[in-house]
N, C-alpha and C. Protein backbone atom coordinates (compact mmCIF):
# COMPACT_ATOMS: atom_id res chain seq x y z
N PHE A 1 -9.65 77.10 -131.82
CA PHE A 1 -9.83 76.85 -130.40
C PHE A 1 -9.36 75.42 -130.05
N ARG A 2 -9.48 74.52 -131.00
CA ARG A 2 -8.99 73.16 -130.69
C ARG A 2 -7.53 73.13 -130.39
N ALA A 3 -6.70 73.83 -131.21
CA ALA A 3 -5.27 73.89 -130.95
C ALA A 3 -5.01 74.54 -129.59
N TRP A 4 -5.72 75.60 -129.31
CA TRP A 4 -5.58 76.35 -128.07
C TRP A 4 -5.98 75.48 -126.89
N ASN A 5 -6.82 74.52 -127.10
CA ASN A 5 -7.32 73.60 -126.04
C ASN A 5 -6.51 72.31 -126.05
N ASP A 6 -5.23 72.41 -126.30
CA ASP A 6 -4.32 71.26 -126.30
C ASP A 6 -4.72 70.15 -127.24
N GLY A 7 -5.28 70.57 -128.36
CA GLY A 7 -5.67 69.60 -129.39
C GLY A 7 -6.99 68.87 -129.14
N VAL A 8 -7.67 69.21 -128.08
CA VAL A 8 -8.95 68.58 -127.76
C VAL A 8 -10.07 69.38 -128.31
N ALA A 9 -10.89 68.73 -129.09
CA ALA A 9 -12.05 69.41 -129.72
C ALA A 9 -13.03 69.92 -128.64
N ILE A 10 -13.56 71.09 -128.92
CA ILE A 10 -14.57 71.63 -128.01
C ILE A 10 -15.92 71.31 -128.66
N THR A 11 -16.60 70.30 -128.11
CA THR A 11 -17.81 69.81 -128.79
C THR A 11 -19.03 70.71 -128.72
N PRO A 12 -19.23 71.42 -127.59
CA PRO A 12 -20.41 72.32 -127.60
C PRO A 12 -20.14 73.48 -128.57
N GLY A 13 -21.15 73.88 -129.35
CA GLY A 13 -21.03 74.94 -130.29
C GLY A 13 -20.70 76.28 -129.58
N LYS A 14 -20.06 77.17 -130.36
CA LYS A 14 -19.59 78.44 -129.75
C LYS A 14 -20.78 79.36 -129.33
N LYS A 15 -21.95 79.12 -129.82
CA LYS A 15 -23.08 79.95 -129.48
C LYS A 15 -23.89 79.35 -128.31
N THR A 16 -23.46 78.22 -127.82
CA THR A 16 -24.13 77.57 -126.67
C THR A 16 -23.49 78.12 -125.37
N ARG A 17 -24.22 77.98 -124.27
CA ARG A 17 -23.67 78.45 -122.99
C ARG A 17 -22.39 77.68 -122.64
N ASP A 18 -22.39 76.36 -122.80
CA ASP A 18 -21.22 75.56 -122.45
C ASP A 18 -20.07 75.85 -123.39
N GLY A 19 -20.35 75.92 -124.68
CA GLY A 19 -19.29 76.23 -125.63
C GLY A 19 -18.68 77.59 -125.41
N PHE A 20 -19.52 78.56 -125.14
CA PHE A 20 -19.02 79.90 -124.86
C PHE A 20 -18.13 79.90 -123.60
N ALA A 21 -18.55 79.15 -122.58
CA ALA A 21 -17.82 79.12 -121.30
C ALA A 21 -16.40 78.51 -121.50
N VAL A 22 -16.33 77.45 -122.23
CA VAL A 22 -15.02 76.80 -122.50
C VAL A 22 -14.09 77.79 -123.22
N ARG A 23 -14.62 78.39 -124.27
CA ARG A 23 -13.79 79.31 -125.07
C ARG A 23 -13.40 80.55 -124.26
N ARG A 24 -14.34 81.06 -123.51
CA ARG A 24 -14.02 82.23 -122.67
C ARG A 24 -12.94 81.91 -121.65
N ALA A 25 -13.01 80.72 -121.10
CA ALA A 25 -11.97 80.31 -120.10
C ALA A 25 -10.61 80.26 -120.77
N LEU A 26 -10.50 79.79 -122.01
CA LEU A 26 -9.23 79.79 -122.71
C LEU A 26 -8.73 81.25 -122.89
N VAL A 27 -9.61 82.10 -123.32
CA VAL A 27 -9.26 83.53 -123.52
C VAL A 27 -8.71 84.11 -122.24
N GLU A 28 -9.44 83.93 -121.15
CA GLU A 28 -9.12 84.56 -119.90
C GLU A 28 -7.87 83.94 -119.23
N ARG A 29 -7.62 82.68 -119.52
CA ARG A 29 -6.41 82.08 -118.95
C ARG A 29 -5.18 82.68 -119.66
N HIS A 30 -5.28 82.97 -120.93
CA HIS A 30 -4.14 83.48 -121.66
C HIS A 30 -4.03 85.00 -121.63
N PHE A 31 -5.11 85.70 -121.75
CA PHE A 31 -5.07 87.18 -121.83
C PHE A 31 -5.49 87.89 -120.55
N GLY A 32 -5.84 87.17 -119.52
CA GLY A 32 -6.19 87.77 -118.23
C GLY A 32 -7.69 87.58 -117.96
N GLY A 33 -8.01 87.48 -116.65
CA GLY A 33 -9.36 87.23 -116.25
C GLY A 33 -10.41 88.23 -116.66
N ASP A 34 -9.95 89.44 -117.00
CA ASP A 34 -10.97 90.47 -117.43
C ASP A 34 -10.93 90.74 -118.92
N ALA A 35 -10.24 89.90 -119.68
CA ALA A 35 -10.07 90.14 -121.11
C ALA A 35 -11.37 90.27 -121.85
N PHE A 36 -12.31 89.36 -121.64
CA PHE A 36 -13.58 89.42 -122.33
C PHE A 36 -14.39 90.63 -121.85
N THR A 37 -14.38 90.87 -120.57
CA THR A 37 -15.16 91.98 -119.98
C THR A 37 -14.66 93.34 -120.48
N ARG A 38 -13.35 93.47 -120.67
CA ARG A 38 -12.80 94.71 -121.16
C ARG A 38 -13.33 95.04 -122.54
N VAL A 39 -13.40 94.05 -123.41
CA VAL A 39 -13.89 94.27 -124.74
C VAL A 39 -15.41 94.50 -124.73
N ARG A 40 -16.12 93.67 -123.94
CA ARG A 40 -17.56 93.80 -123.88
C ARG A 40 -17.96 95.21 -123.35
N ALA A 41 -17.16 95.80 -122.47
CA ALA A 41 -17.48 97.12 -121.96
C ALA A 41 -17.38 98.18 -123.03
N GLN A 42 -16.60 97.94 -124.11
CA GLN A 42 -16.39 98.92 -125.16
C GLN A 42 -17.35 98.75 -126.32
N TRP A 43 -17.89 97.54 -126.51
CA TRP A 43 -18.71 97.27 -127.69
C TRP A 43 -20.01 96.56 -127.27
N THR A 44 -21.08 97.08 -127.74
CA THR A 44 -22.41 96.53 -127.42
C THR A 44 -22.62 95.20 -128.19
N LYS A 45 -23.45 94.37 -127.66
CA LYS A 45 -23.76 93.10 -128.37
C LYS A 45 -24.42 93.34 -129.70
N SER A 46 -25.10 94.49 -129.85
CA SER A 46 -25.70 94.78 -131.17
C SER A 46 -24.63 95.06 -132.23
N ARG A 47 -23.47 95.43 -131.79
CA ARG A 47 -22.37 95.74 -132.73
C ARG A 47 -21.41 94.57 -132.89
N VAL A 48 -21.16 93.86 -131.76
CA VAL A 48 -20.19 92.76 -131.80
C VAL A 48 -20.74 91.60 -130.91
N ALA A 49 -21.00 90.45 -131.52
CA ALA A 49 -21.51 89.33 -130.79
C ALA A 49 -20.46 88.73 -129.84
N ASP A 50 -20.90 88.09 -128.80
CA ASP A 50 -19.96 87.47 -127.83
C ASP A 50 -19.00 86.54 -128.49
N ASP A 51 -19.51 85.65 -129.37
CA ASP A 51 -18.63 84.68 -130.00
C ASP A 51 -17.64 85.34 -130.94
N ASP A 52 -17.98 86.51 -131.51
CA ASP A 52 -17.04 87.21 -132.36
C ASP A 52 -15.89 87.83 -131.51
N VAL A 53 -16.19 88.22 -130.31
CA VAL A 53 -15.16 88.69 -129.41
C VAL A 53 -14.16 87.56 -129.17
N LEU A 54 -14.69 86.42 -128.83
CA LEU A 54 -13.82 85.24 -128.61
C LEU A 54 -13.07 84.84 -129.81
N ASP A 55 -13.66 84.87 -130.99
CA ASP A 55 -12.95 84.57 -132.23
C ASP A 55 -11.80 85.54 -132.51
N ALA A 56 -12.00 86.81 -132.16
CA ALA A 56 -10.96 87.79 -132.34
C ALA A 56 -9.80 87.47 -131.44
N TYR A 57 -10.08 87.09 -130.21
CA TYR A 57 -8.99 86.68 -129.33
C TYR A 57 -8.25 85.40 -129.83
N ALA A 58 -8.96 84.48 -130.47
CA ALA A 58 -8.31 83.33 -131.05
C ALA A 58 -7.39 83.74 -132.20
N ALA A 59 -7.81 84.71 -132.98
CA ALA A 59 -6.93 85.21 -134.02
C ALA A 59 -5.70 85.86 -133.43
N LEU A 60 -5.86 86.61 -132.35
CA LEU A 60 -4.74 87.24 -131.68
C LEU A 60 -3.77 86.19 -131.13
N TRP A 61 -4.35 85.16 -130.53
CA TRP A 61 -3.53 84.06 -130.03
C TRP A 61 -2.67 83.43 -131.11
N SER A 62 -3.27 83.23 -132.30
CA SER A 62 -2.54 82.69 -133.42
C SER A 62 -1.48 83.68 -133.91
N ALA A 63 -1.80 84.96 -133.92
CA ALA A 63 -0.84 85.99 -134.38
C ALA A 63 0.36 86.00 -133.43
N GLU A 64 0.16 85.86 -132.13
CA GLU A 64 1.26 85.81 -131.19
C GLU A 64 2.15 84.59 -131.47
N ARG A 65 1.57 83.46 -131.77
CA ARG A 65 2.37 82.26 -132.06
C ARG A 65 3.16 82.49 -133.34
N ILE A 66 2.55 83.07 -134.34
CA ILE A 66 3.26 83.35 -135.62
C ILE A 66 4.45 84.28 -135.33
N ALA A 67 4.23 85.37 -134.55
CA ALA A 67 5.26 86.32 -134.29
C ALA A 67 6.45 85.73 -133.56
N ARG A 68 6.23 84.79 -132.69
CA ARG A 68 7.35 84.19 -131.95
C ARG A 68 7.90 82.93 -132.59
N GLY A 69 7.40 82.61 -133.78
CA GLY A 69 7.93 81.44 -134.54
C GLY A 69 7.43 80.13 -134.02
N ALA A 70 6.33 80.09 -133.29
CA ALA A 70 5.80 78.85 -132.72
C ALA A 70 4.62 78.28 -133.50
N ALA A 71 4.21 78.93 -134.56
CA ALA A 71 3.02 78.54 -135.31
C ALA A 71 3.22 77.26 -136.10
N ILE A 72 2.11 76.63 -136.35
CA ILE A 72 2.05 75.39 -137.13
C ILE A 72 1.27 75.75 -138.42
N SER A 73 1.72 75.18 -139.53
CA SER A 73 1.04 75.35 -140.84
C SER A 73 0.43 74.04 -141.23
N LEU A 74 -0.80 74.09 -141.69
CA LEU A 74 -1.56 72.92 -142.25
C LEU A 74 -2.00 73.28 -143.63
N PRO A 75 -1.66 72.49 -144.63
CA PRO A 75 -0.67 71.43 -144.56
C PRO A 75 0.72 72.04 -144.59
N ASP A 76 1.70 71.19 -144.35
CA ASP A 76 3.10 71.57 -144.37
C ASP A 76 3.88 70.59 -145.18
N PRO A 77 4.34 70.98 -146.31
CA PRO A 77 4.30 72.31 -146.92
C PRO A 77 2.95 72.57 -147.55
N PRO A 78 2.57 73.83 -147.63
CA PRO A 78 1.26 74.16 -148.18
C PRO A 78 1.26 74.07 -149.75
N LEU A 79 0.08 73.83 -150.28
CA LEU A 79 -0.11 73.91 -151.72
C LEU A 79 -0.10 75.40 -152.05
N ARG A 80 0.00 75.71 -153.33
CA ARG A 80 0.01 77.09 -153.79
C ARG A 80 -1.14 77.30 -154.78
N ASP A 81 -1.70 78.52 -154.72
CA ASP A 81 -2.75 78.84 -155.64
C ASP A 81 -2.19 79.31 -156.96
N ALA A 82 -3.06 79.73 -157.89
CA ALA A 82 -2.62 80.17 -159.22
C ALA A 82 -1.69 81.34 -159.22
N PHE A 83 -1.72 82.12 -158.09
CA PHE A 83 -0.80 83.25 -157.97
C PHE A 83 0.47 82.98 -157.18
N GLY A 84 0.62 81.73 -156.75
CA GLY A 84 1.77 81.30 -156.01
C GLY A 84 1.67 81.51 -154.51
N LEU A 85 0.48 81.93 -154.07
CA LEU A 85 0.26 82.16 -152.62
C LEU A 85 0.02 80.83 -151.92
N PRO A 86 0.55 80.66 -150.70
CA PRO A 86 0.28 79.45 -149.97
C PRO A 86 -1.17 79.34 -149.55
N MET A 87 -1.72 78.14 -149.67
CA MET A 87 -3.09 77.86 -149.22
C MET A 87 -2.96 77.03 -147.96
N ARG A 88 -3.18 77.67 -146.85
CA ARG A 88 -2.87 76.99 -145.56
C ARG A 88 -3.63 77.67 -144.43
N ILE A 89 -3.67 76.92 -143.36
CA ILE A 89 -4.15 77.45 -142.05
C ILE A 89 -2.94 77.48 -141.18
N VAL A 90 -2.71 78.64 -140.51
CA VAL A 90 -1.58 78.78 -139.62
C VAL A 90 -2.11 79.14 -138.22
N TYR A 91 -1.61 78.41 -137.24
CA TYR A 91 -2.06 78.74 -135.90
C TYR A 91 -0.92 78.49 -134.90
């Protein structure tokens, strides 16, 4: 969410009212004003927590960036594990 928020850290935790509101605003600005509500209408809170819905949208946001070649890798270049796989965060 920090990258999505123009590099500015979101200090309130994701489970707080303020933290949730900031993250939801990012989701709805990118995916549409009803993005969160559409998912919430399909899944009860007992099955999927609100912050998990927002986290899934953050993963989708990152996947879109990867697909269009706009993603950033940390570190760059990444280290490799014992199997030769890159150890990195991509967003």
